[in-house]
Amino acid sequence: MNEEDMQRVVEELSKSASADQTTAGKLQMMDMSLTSIAYSLEEANRNMEILLYLLGAMTVLLAIGLGFFIFKKIKS
């Protein structure tokens, strides 16, 4: 193997390492993006749970109010 061949091998390895580094950077960005999406979905899930609890509480209060209204109508 002469000097030119060695130089070509070094250049190819450098290009390959650069491409691998670029790919690793892109994969890291995708991982960060997916992590961000996962956190957003968890937060949305918590918000939906809170809304469901509030809806349940409003339903109970509405039922109590309706029961009281019906009781007053029957009483009078």
Protein backbone atom coordinates (compact mmCIF):
# COMPACT_ATOMS: atom_id res chain seq x y z
CA MET A 1 0.00 0.00 0.00
CA ASN A 2 1.54 3.27 -1.07
CA GLU A 3 1.17 6.72 0.42
CA GLU A 4 -1.72 7.73 -1.87
CA ASP A 5 -3.72 4.68 -0.84
CA MET A 6 -3.07 5.45 2.81
CA GLN A 7 -4.17 9.05 2.26
CA ARG A 8 -7.37 7.87 0.54
CA VAL A 9 -8.15 5.46 3.39
CA VAL A 10 -7.63 8.25 5.95
CA GLU A 11 -9.93 10.58 3.97
CA GLU A 12 -12.64 7.91 3.69
CA LEU A 13 -12.44 7.18 7.41
CA SER A 14 -12.66 10.91 8.16
CA LYS A 15 -15.75 11.26 5.94
CA SER A 16 -17.31 8.20 7.56
CA ALA A 17 -16.63 9.55 11.06
CA SER A 18 -18.10 12.92 10.08
CA ALA A 19 -21.22 11.25 8.68
CA ASP A 20 -21.56 9.14 11.84
CA GLN A 21 -21.23 12.26 13.99
CA THR A 22 -23.89 14.04 11.93
CA THR A 23 -26.21 11.05 12.24
CA ALA A 24 -25.60 10.89 15.99
CA GLY A 25 -26.47 14.59 16.27
CA LYS A 26 -29.70 14.09 14.35
CA LEU A 27 -30.63 11.08 16.49
CA GLN A 28 -29.96 13.08 19.64
CA MET A 29 -32.22 15.89 18.38
CA MET A 30 -34.95 13.36 17.58
CA ASP A 31 -34.59 11.84 21.06
CA MET A 32 -34.91 15.27 22.68
CA SER A 33 -37.95 16.00 20.52
CA LEU A 34 -39.61 12.70 21.46
CA THR A 35 -38.87 13.33 25.13
CA SER A 36 -40.47 16.76 24.85
CA ILE A 37 -43.55 15.23 23.20
CA ALA A 38 -43.78 12.60 25.94
CA TYR A 39 -43.67 15.28 28.65
CA SER A 40 -46.35 17.27 26.83
CA LEU A 41 -48.58 14.19 26.62
CA GLU A 42 -48.13 13.49 30.32
CA GLU A 43 -49.08 17.07 31.15
CA ALA A 44 -52.13 16.87 28.88
CA ASN A 45 -53.12 13.63 30.61
CA ARG A 46 -52.90 15.30 34.03
CA ASN A 47 -54.97 18.23 32.77
CA MET A 48 -57.63 15.86 31.43
CA GLU A 49 -57.81 14.09 34.80
CA ILE A 50 -58.33 17.43 36.55
CA LEU A 51 -61.06 18.38 34.08
CA LEU A 52 -62.81 15.05 34.62
CA TYR A 53 -62.72 15.52 38.41
CA LEU A 54 -64.16 19.02 38.02
CA LEU A 55 -66.87 17.73 35.70
CA GLY A 56 -67.76 15.05 38.26
CA ALA A 57 -67.92 17.63 41.05
CA MET A 58 -70.15 19.88 38.94
CA THR A 59 -72.45 16.93 38.21
CA VAL A 60 -72.74 16.13 41.92
CA LEU A 61 -73.50 19.77 42.76
CA LEU A 62 -76.08 19.92 39.97
CA ALA A 63 -77.75 16.74 41.26
CA ILE A 64 -77.85 18.16 44.81
CA GLY A 65 -79.33 21.43 43.53
CA LEU A 66 -81.93 19.60 41.45
CA GLY A 67 -82.84 17.39 44.41
CA PHE A 68 -83.24 20.43 46.63
CA PHE A 69 -85.39 22.17 43.98
CA ILE A 70 -87.63 19.09 43.58
CA PHE A 71 -87.92 18.74 47.37
CA LYS A 72 -89.03 22.40 47.67
CA LYS A 73 -91.59 21.93 44.87
CA ILE A 74 -93.03 18.82 46.54
CA LYS A 75 -93.09 20.50 49.95
CA SER A 76 -94.99 23.57 48.71
